[in-house]
C-alpha atoms as a PDB file:
ATOM      1  CA  MET A   1      56.373  40.542   7.073  1.00  0.00           C
ATOM      2  CA  ILE A   2      54.197  37.321   7.905  1.00  0.00           C
ATOM      3  CA  GLU A   3      55.405  33.898   7.013  1.00  0.00           C
ATOM      4  CA  TRP A   4      51.735  32.267   6.717  1.00  0.00           C
ATOM      5  CA  GLN A   5      52.646  28.844   6.548  1.00  0.00           C
ATOM      6  CA  ALA A   6      53.254  29.111   9.946  1.00  0.00           C
ATOM      7  CA  ILE A   7      49.865  30.651  10.487  1.00  0.00           C
ATOM      8  CA  GLU A   8      47.115  28.745  12.138  1.00  0.00           C
ATOM      9  CA  THR A   9      44.305  31.092  13.510  1.00  0.00           C
ATOM     10  CA  VAL A  10      44.288  35.210  12.968  1.00  0.00           C
ATOM     11  CA  LEU A  11      42.818  37.426  15.748  1.00  0.00           C
ATOM     12  CA  LEU A  12      41.138  40.485  14.875  1.00  0.00           C
ATOM     13  CA  GLU A  13      39.626  43.529  16.479  1.00  0.00           C
ATOM     14  CA  MET A  14      37.573  45.443  14.618  1.00  0.00           C
ATOM     15  CA  ASP A  15      37.173  49.102  15.112  1.00  0.00           C
ATOM     16  CA  GLY A  16      40.404  50.836  13.562  1.00  0.00           C
ATOM     17  CA  THR A  17      41.328  47.468  12.802  1.00  0.00           C
ATOM     18  CA  LEU A  18      38.246  45.844  10.061  1.00  0.00           C
ATOM     19  CA  LEU A  19      36.899  49.216  10.405  1.00  0.00           C
ATOM     20  CA  ASP A  20      37.211  53.104  10.174  1.00  0.00           C
ATOM     21  CA  LEU A  21      38.059  54.421  13.685  1.00  0.00           C
ATOM     22  CA  HIS A  22      36.312  57.945  12.281  1.00  0.00           C
ATOM     23  CA  PHE A  23      33.327  56.477  13.082  1.00  0.00           C
ATOM     24  CA  ASP A  24      33.486  56.124  16.636  1.00  0.00           C
ATOM     25  CA  ASN A  25      36.086  58.912  17.161  1.00  0.00           C
ATOM     26  CA  PHE A  26      33.615  61.396  15.825  1.00  0.00           C
ATOM     27  CA  PHE A  27      31.116  59.617  17.603  1.00  0.00           C
ATOM     28  CA  TRP A  28      32.464  60.531  21.248  1.00  0.00           C
ATOM     29  CA  GLN A  29      34.087  63.313  19.973  1.00  0.00           C
ATOM     30  CA  GLU A  30      31.512  65.696  18.243  1.00  0.00           C
ATOM     31  CA  TYR A  31      28.407  63.921  17.695  1.00  0.00           C
ATOM     32  CA  LEU A  32      27.624  62.597  21.825  1.00  0.00           C
ATOM     33  CA  PRO A  33      28.380  66.502  23.273  1.00  0.00           C
ATOM     34  CA  LEU A  34      26.532  68.134  20.495  1.00  0.00           C
ATOM     35  CA  ARG A  35      24.033  65.857  21.393  1.00  0.00           C
ATOM     36  CA  TYR A  36      24.054  65.647  25.167  1.00  0.00           C
ATOM     37  CA  ALA A  37      24.161  69.279  25.158  1.00  0.00           C
ATOM     38  CA  GLU A  38      21.028  69.366  23.250  1.00  0.00           C
ATOM     39  CA  ILE A  39      19.022  67.108  25.034  1.00  0.00           C
ATOM     40  CA  LYS A  40      20.179  67.954  28.441  1.00  0.00           C
ATOM     41  CA  GLY A  41      19.477  71.990  27.946  1.00  0.00           C
ATOM     42  CA  VAL A  42      23.737  72.719  28.336  1.00  0.00           C
ATOM     43  CA  GLU A  43      26.283  74.405  26.402  1.00  0.00           C
ATOM     44  CA  ALA A  44      28.436  72.018  23.566  1.00  0.00           C
ATOM     45  CA  GLN A  45      31.599  73.080  25.298  1.00  0.00           C
ATOM     46  CA  THR A  46      30.571  72.296  28.701  1.00  0.00           C
ATOM     47  CA  ALA A  47      29.376  68.490  27.013  1.00  0.00           C
ATOM     48  CA  LYS A  48      32.284  68.042  26.014  1.00  0.00           C
ATOM     49  CA  HIS A  49      34.346  68.684  28.572  1.00  0.00           C
ATOM     50  CA  HIS A  50      32.148  66.603  30.846  1.00  0.00           C
ATOM     51  CA  ILE A  51      32.744  63.540  28.381  1.00  0.00           C
ATOM     52  CA  VAL A  52      36.291  64.104  27.974  1.00  0.00           C
ATOM     53  CA  THR A  53      36.516  64.497  32.189  1.00  0.00           C
ATOM     54  CA  GLN A  54      34.966  61.036  31.986  1.00  0.00           C
ATOM     55  CA  THR A  55      37.153  59.719  29.362  1.00  0.00           C
ATOM     56  CA  ARG A  56      40.198  60.142  31.275  1.00  0.00           C
ATOM     57  CA  LYS A  57      38.696  58.460  34.530  1.00  0.00           C
ATOM     58  CA  ILE A  58      38.036  55.309  32.866  1.00  0.00           C
ATOM     59  CA  GLU A  59      40.955  55.156  29.976  1.00  0.00           C
ATOM     60  CA  GLY A  60      41.530  51.185  29.001  1.00  0.00           C
ATOM     61  CA  SER A  61      39.033  50.067  31.492  1.00  0.00           C
ATOM     62  CA  LEU A  62      36.175  47.774  30.423  1.00  0.00           C
ATOM     63  CA  ASN A  63      34.197  50.670  31.157  1.00  0.00           C
ATOM     64  CA  TRP A  64      35.754  52.176  28.442  1.00  0.00           C
ATOM     65  CA  TYR A  65      33.917  50.510  25.913  1.00  0.00           C
ATOM     66  CA  CYS A  66      31.359  50.143  27.979  1.00  0.00           C
ATOM     67  CA  THR A  67      27.344  50.826  26.376  1.00  0.00           C
ATOM     68  CA  ASP A  68      25.403  50.380  28.619  1.00  0.00           C
ATOM     69  CA  TYR A  69      27.749  52.177  31.031  1.00  0.00           C
ATOM     70  CA  TRP A  70      28.060  55.458  29.716  1.00  0.00           C
ATOM     71  CA  SER A  71      24.490  55.447  28.936  1.00  0.00           C
ATOM     72  CA  ALA A  72      23.540  54.925  32.092  1.00  0.00           C
ATOM     73  CA  MET A  73      26.039  57.919  33.342  1.00  0.00           C
ATOM     74  CA  LEU A  74      25.243  60.028  31.102  1.00  0.00           C
ATOM     75  CA  GLU A  75      21.485  59.140  31.553  1.00  0.00           C
ATOM     76  CA  ILE A  76      21.079  59.340  27.456  1.00  0.00           C
ATOM     77  CA  ASP A  77      20.968  56.183  24.572  1.00  0.00           C
ATOM     78  CA  VAL A  78      24.429  56.072  23.793  1.00  0.00           C
ATOM     79  CA  VAL A  79      23.070  52.925  21.342  1.00  0.00           C
ATOM     80  CA  GLU A  80      20.202  54.945  19.862  1.00  0.00           C
ATOM     81  CA  LEU A  81      22.396  57.892  19.156  1.00  0.00           C
ATOM     82  CA  LYS A  82      25.272  56.110  17.487  1.00  0.00           C
ATOM     83  CA  HIS A  83      22.384  54.061  15.328  1.00  0.00           C
ATOM     84  CA  GLU A  84      21.641  58.286  14.272  1.00  0.00           C
ATOM     85  CA  ILE A  85      24.897  58.241  12.252  1.00  0.00           C
ATOM     86  CA  SER A  86      25.741  54.608  11.549  1.00  0.00           C
ATOM     87  CA  HIS A  87      25.353  55.772   7.665  1.00  0.00           C
ATOM     88  CA  LYS A  88      29.445  56.503   8.950  1.00  0.00           C
ATOM     89  CA  VAL A  89      30.385  53.188   9.802  1.00  0.00           C
ATOM     90  CA  ALA A  90      33.241  51.821   7.065  1.00  0.00           C
ATOM     91  CA  ILE A  91      35.323  48.969   5.891  1.00  0.00           C
ATOM     92  CA  ARG A  92      39.302  49.071   5.935  1.00  0.00           C
ATOM     93  CA  PRO A  93      40.640  49.334   2.228  1.00  0.00           C
ATOM     94  CA  PHE A  94      41.213  45.231   1.436  1.00  0.00           C
ATOM     95  CA  CYS A  95      39.308  44.160   4.448  1.00  0.00           C
ATOM     96  CA  ILE A  96      36.745  42.246   2.396  1.00  0.00           C
ATOM     97  CA  ASP A  97      39.538  40.529   0.778  1.00  0.00           C
ATOM     98  CA  PHE A  98      41.825  39.695   3.417  1.00  0.00           C
ATOM     99  CA  LEU A  99      39.206  38.211   5.474  1.00  0.00           C
ATOM    100  CA  ASP A 100      37.949  35.994   2.138  1.00  0.00           C
ATOM    101  CA  ALA A 101      41.453  34.962   1.314  1.00  0.00           C
ATOM    102  CA  LEU A 102      42.206  33.523   5.283  1.00  0.00           C
ATOM    103  CA  ARG A 103      39.507  31.828   4.776  1.00  0.00           C
ATOM    104  CA  ALA A 104      40.574  30.547   1.400  1.00  0.00           C
ATOM    105  CA  ALA A 105      43.926  29.031   2.715  1.00  0.00           C
ATOM    106  CA  GLY A 106      42.339  27.793   5.742  1.00  0.00           C
ATOM    107  CA  LYS A 107      43.251  29.761   8.760  1.00  0.00           C
ATOM    108  CA  ASP A 108      40.929  30.028  12.003  1.00  0.00           C
ATOM    109  CA  VAL A 109      39.353  33.761  11.579  1.00  0.00           C
ATOM    110  CA  VAL A 110      38.010  35.221  15.006  1.00  0.00           C
ATOM    111  CA  MET A 111      37.597  38.653  16.016  1.00  0.00           C
ATOM    112  CA  VAL A 112      38.189  39.838  19.495  1.00  0.00           C
ATOM    113  CA  THR A 113      37.292  42.922  20.004  1.00  0.00           C
ATOM    114  CA  ASN A 114      36.628  45.495  23.232  1.00  0.00           C
ATOM    115  CA  ALA A 115      33.414  46.930  21.258  1.00  0.00           C
ATOM    116  CA  HIS A 116      30.227  46.164  23.514  1.00  0.00           C
ATOM    117  CA  HIS A 117      27.409  43.396  22.546  1.00  0.00           C
ATOM    118  CA  ASP A 118      25.208  46.372  21.356  1.00  0.00           C
ATOM    119  CA  SER A 119      28.678  48.438  19.171  1.00  0.00           C
ATOM    120  CA  LEU A 120      29.587  45.063  17.618  1.00  0.00           C
ATOM    121  CA  ALA A 121      26.103  44.350  16.405  1.00  0.00           C
ATOM    122  CA  LEU A 122      25.277  47.637  15.137  1.00  0.00           C
ATOM    123  CA  LYS A 123      27.864  47.395  12.955  1.00  0.00           C
ATOM    124  CA  MET A 124      27.481  43.903  11.320  1.00  0.00           C
ATOM    125  CA  GLU A 125      23.988  44.687  10.678  1.00  0.00           C
ATOM    126  CA  LYS A 126      25.356  47.303   9.197  1.00  0.00           C
ATOM    127  CA  ILE A 127      28.842  45.915   6.625  1.00  0.00           C
ATOM    128  CA  GLN A 128      27.462  42.234   6.738  1.00  0.00           C
ATOM    129  CA  ILE A 129      30.918  40.889   7.606  1.00  0.00           C
ATOM    130  CA  ALA A 130      29.765  38.104  10.567  1.00  0.00           C
ATOM    131  CA  ASP A 131      30.108  35.283   8.219  1.00  0.00           C
ATOM    132  CA  LYS A 132      33.820  35.946   7.413  1.00  0.00           C
ATOM    133  CA  PHE A 133      34.467  34.563  10.843  1.00  0.00           C
ATOM    134  CA  ASP A 134      34.174  31.299  12.477  1.00  0.00           C
ATOM    135  CA  ARG A 135      34.493  32.907  16.295  1.00  0.00           C
ATOM    136  CA  LEU A 136      32.706  37.001  17.380  1.00  0.00           C
ATOM    137  CA  ILE A 137      34.076  37.507  20.499  1.00  0.00           C
ATOM    138  CA  THR A 138      33.181  40.594  22.776  1.00  0.00           C
ATOM    139  CA  VAL A 139      35.134  40.580  25.498  1.00  0.00           C
ATOM    140  CA  HIS A 140      32.355  41.460  27.985  1.00  0.00           C
ATOM    141  CA  GLU A 141      31.904  38.230  27.898  1.00  0.00           C
ATOM    142  CA  PHE A 142      34.093  37.476  30.033  1.00  0.00           C
ATOM    143  CA  SER A 143      34.294  41.367  31.702  1.00  0.00           C
ATOM    144  CA  LEU A 144      38.316  41.425  30.844  1.00  0.00           C
ATOM    145  CA  PRO A 145      39.819  43.930  28.119  1.00  0.00           C
ATOM    146  CA  LYS A 146      42.243  43.263  25.508  1.00  0.00           C
ATOM    147  CA  GLU A 147      44.816  45.221  27.373  1.00  0.00           C
ATOM    148  CA  ASP A 148      45.036  42.777  30.367  1.00  0.00           C
ATOM    149  CA  PRO A 149      46.673  39.815  29.268  1.00  0.00           C
ATOM    150  CA  GLN A 150      44.551  37.261  31.526  1.00  0.00           C
ATOM    151  CA  CYS A 151      42.260  38.457  28.582  1.00  0.00           C
ATOM    152  CA  TRP A 152      43.805  36.586  26.129  1.00  0.00           C
ATOM    153  CA  HIS A 153      43.079  32.615  28.563  1.00  0.00           C
ATOM    154  CA  GLU A 154      39.745  33.690  28.162  1.00  0.00           C
ATOM    155  CA  VAL A 155      39.442  33.983  24.583  1.00  0.00           C
ATOM    156  CA  HIS A 156      41.557  30.773  24.737  1.00  0.00           C
ATOM    157  CA  ARG A 157      38.483  29.279  26.563  1.00  0.00           C
ATOM    158  CA  ARG A 158      36.165  29.585  24.541  1.00  0.00           C
ATOM    159  CA  HIS A 159      38.282  29.005  21.809  1.00  0.00           C
ATOM    160  CA  PRO A 160      40.955  27.474  21.357  1.00  0.00           C
ATOM    161  CA  PHE A 161      44.664  28.732  19.278  1.00  0.00           C
ATOM    162  CA  THR A 162      47.965  27.920  19.506  1.00  0.00           C
ATOM    163  CA  ALA A 163      49.778  31.311  20.543  1.00  0.00           C
ATOM    164  CA  GLN A 164      52.618  30.477  18.779  1.00  0.00           C
ATOM    165  CA  LYS A 165      50.771  29.765  15.310  1.00  0.00           C
ATOM    166  CA  THR A 166      48.168  32.809  16.102  1.00  0.00           C
ATOM    167  CA  LEU A 167      49.166  36.522  14.578  1.00  0.00           C
ATOM    168  CA  LEU A 168      47.334  39.089  16.001  1.00  0.00           C
ATOM    169  CA  ILE A 169      46.480  42.559  13.992  1.00  0.00           C
ATOM    170  CA  ASP A 170      45.124  45.398  16.078  1.00  0.00           C
ATOM    171  CA  ASP A 171      45.793  49.159  16.167  1.00  0.00           C
ATOM    172  CA  ASN A 172      45.134  48.940  20.270  1.00  0.00           C
ATOM    173  CA  LEU A 173      49.057  49.386  20.959  1.00  0.00           C
ATOM    174  CA  HIS A 174      48.512  48.322  24.700  1.00  0.00           C
ATOM    175  CA  ALA A 175      46.056  45.228  23.236  1.00  0.00           C
ATOM    176  CA  LEU A 176      49.295  43.741  21.215  1.00  0.00           C
ATOM    177  CA  GLN A 177      51.752  44.263  24.740  1.00  0.00           C
ATOM    178  CA  SER A 178      48.532  42.418  26.762  1.00  0.00           C
ATOM    179  CA  ALA A 179      49.042  39.226  24.099  1.00  0.00           C
ATOM    180  CA  ARG A 180      52.970  40.109  23.895  1.00  0.00           C
ATOM    181  CA  GLU A 181      52.678  38.913  27.570  1.00  0.00           C
ATOM    182  CA  TYR A 182      50.510  36.453  27.042  1.00  0.00           C
ATOM    183  CA  GLY A 183      52.879  34.701  24.760  1.00  0.00           C
ATOM    184  CA  ILE A 184      50.211  34.896  21.247  1.00  0.00           C
ATOM    185  CA  GLY A 185      53.440  35.009  18.545  1.00  0.00           C
ATOM    186  CA  SER A 186      52.877  37.315  15.880  1.00  0.00           C
ATOM    187  CA  LEU A 187      51.656  40.826  16.306  1.00  0.00           C
ATOM    188  CA  LEU A 188      50.717  43.599  13.796  1.00  0.00           C
ATOM    189  CA  ALA A 189      49.766  47.004  14.626  1.00  0.00           C
ATOM    190  CA  ILE A 190      48.381  49.444  11.962  1.00  0.00           C
ATOM    191  CA  TYR A 191      49.636  52.825  11.299  1.00  0.00           C
ATOM    192  CA  GLN A 192      45.759  54.492  10.420  1.00  0.00           C
ATOM    193  CA  PRO A 193      42.975  53.320  12.405  1.00  0.00           C
ATOM    194  CA  ASP A 194      41.185  56.531  11.407  1.00  0.00           C
ATOM    195  CA  SER A 195      41.356  57.300   7.875  1.00  0.00           C
ATOM    196  CA  GLN A 196      40.822  61.593   8.749  1.00  0.00           C
ATOM    197  CA  ALA A 197      43.311  61.227  11.146  1.00  0.00           C
ATOM    198  CA  PRO A 198      47.759  61.157  10.966  1.00  0.00           C
ATOM    199  CA  HIS A 199      49.454  57.934  10.143  1.00  0.00           C
ATOM    200  CA  ARG A 200      51.336  56.969  13.723  1.00  0.00           C
ATOM    201  CA  GLU A 201      54.641  56.575  14.573  1.00  0.00           C
ATOM    202  CA  ILE A 202      54.872  52.612  15.836  1.00  0.00           C
ATOM    203  CA  GLU A 203      58.161  51.836  17.094  1.00  0.00           C
ATOM    204  CA  ASP A 204      57.040  48.049  19.464  1.00  0.00           C
ATOM    205  CA  PHE A 205      55.718  46.197  16.478  1.00  0.00           C
ATOM    206  CA  ASP A 206      55.916  45.613  13.510  1.00  0.00           C
ATOM    207  CA  ALA A 207      52.838  48.103  11.432  1.00  0.00           C
ATOM    208  CA  ILE A 208      50.468  47.934   7.964  1.00  0.00           C
ATOM    209  CA  HIS A 209      48.899  50.584   6.565  1.00  0.00           C
ATOM    210  CA  SER A 210      46.600  48.079   4.820  1.00  0.00           C
ATOM    211  CA  PHE A 211      45.324  44.957   4.612  1.00  0.00           C
ATOM    212  CA  ALA A 212      47.199  44.486   1.027  1.00  0.00           C
ATOM    213  CA  ASP A 213      50.047  44.863   2.617  1.00  0.00           C
ATOM    214  CA  ILE A 214      50.247  40.592   4.026  1.00  0.00           C
ATOM    215  CA  MET A 215      47.712  39.671   0.973  1.00  0.00           C
ATOM    216  CA  PRO A 216      50.558  37.790  -0.243  1.00  0.00           C
ATOM    217  CA  ILE A 217      48.621  34.704   2.090  1.00  0.00           C
ATOM    218  CA  ALA A 218      47.080  33.756  -0.810  1.00  0.00           C
ATOM    219  CA  GLY A 219      50.217  31.909  -2.123  1.00  0.00           C
ATOM    220  CA  VAL A 220      49.149  29.861   0.252  1.00  0.00           C
ATOM    221  CA  ILE A 221      45.993  28.708  -1.217  1.00  0.00           C
ATOM    222  CA  ASP A 222      48.455  26.345  -3.271  1.00  0.00           C
ATOM    223  CA  ASP A 223      50.819  25.158  -1.162  1.00  0.00           C
END
């Protein structure tokens, strides 16, 4: 699926690609509405409806991913609530093996995530994989979500890469589309970002079930 000899740089999303998206889905769909209802003294269904309505209004925008925005809008400390269930943060299968293989093969390994700085810090503290990357980039550094093709110009400014020799692996299909428009040469989606949700049907991009599907990168080391 991947011609590793032609790849110099690997860009990786965090949530749903490196980490199990179940933490985030559970937090936003279940835990946050429950705690918001408790804190504000409203019915759980009312809280859930309010959060879902606000989410739909800004989906795909930078604010959708911004904990500062949500804390201000809901008037609660969203980051503190995330810490309450941080034990649920989990890595996806074969992630560590894959990252180690990339580094051993001499690839430039960069995390590019829509996650806010607070979320990135929380998860790197729990998972301890930050040292496996040449750089960690959150799009909040330049206020453009990955759904916007201009985002990749900003990523390139901070960490130069050759687009045609770059692989992006991301569970966000809109981000993959914007990367395609920018000119990134190799793109891979994730069939099951949330381990507790069904596999997705993906038509417009090649996709993997886990990093084991592309682990033959080990053979590059001997070349």
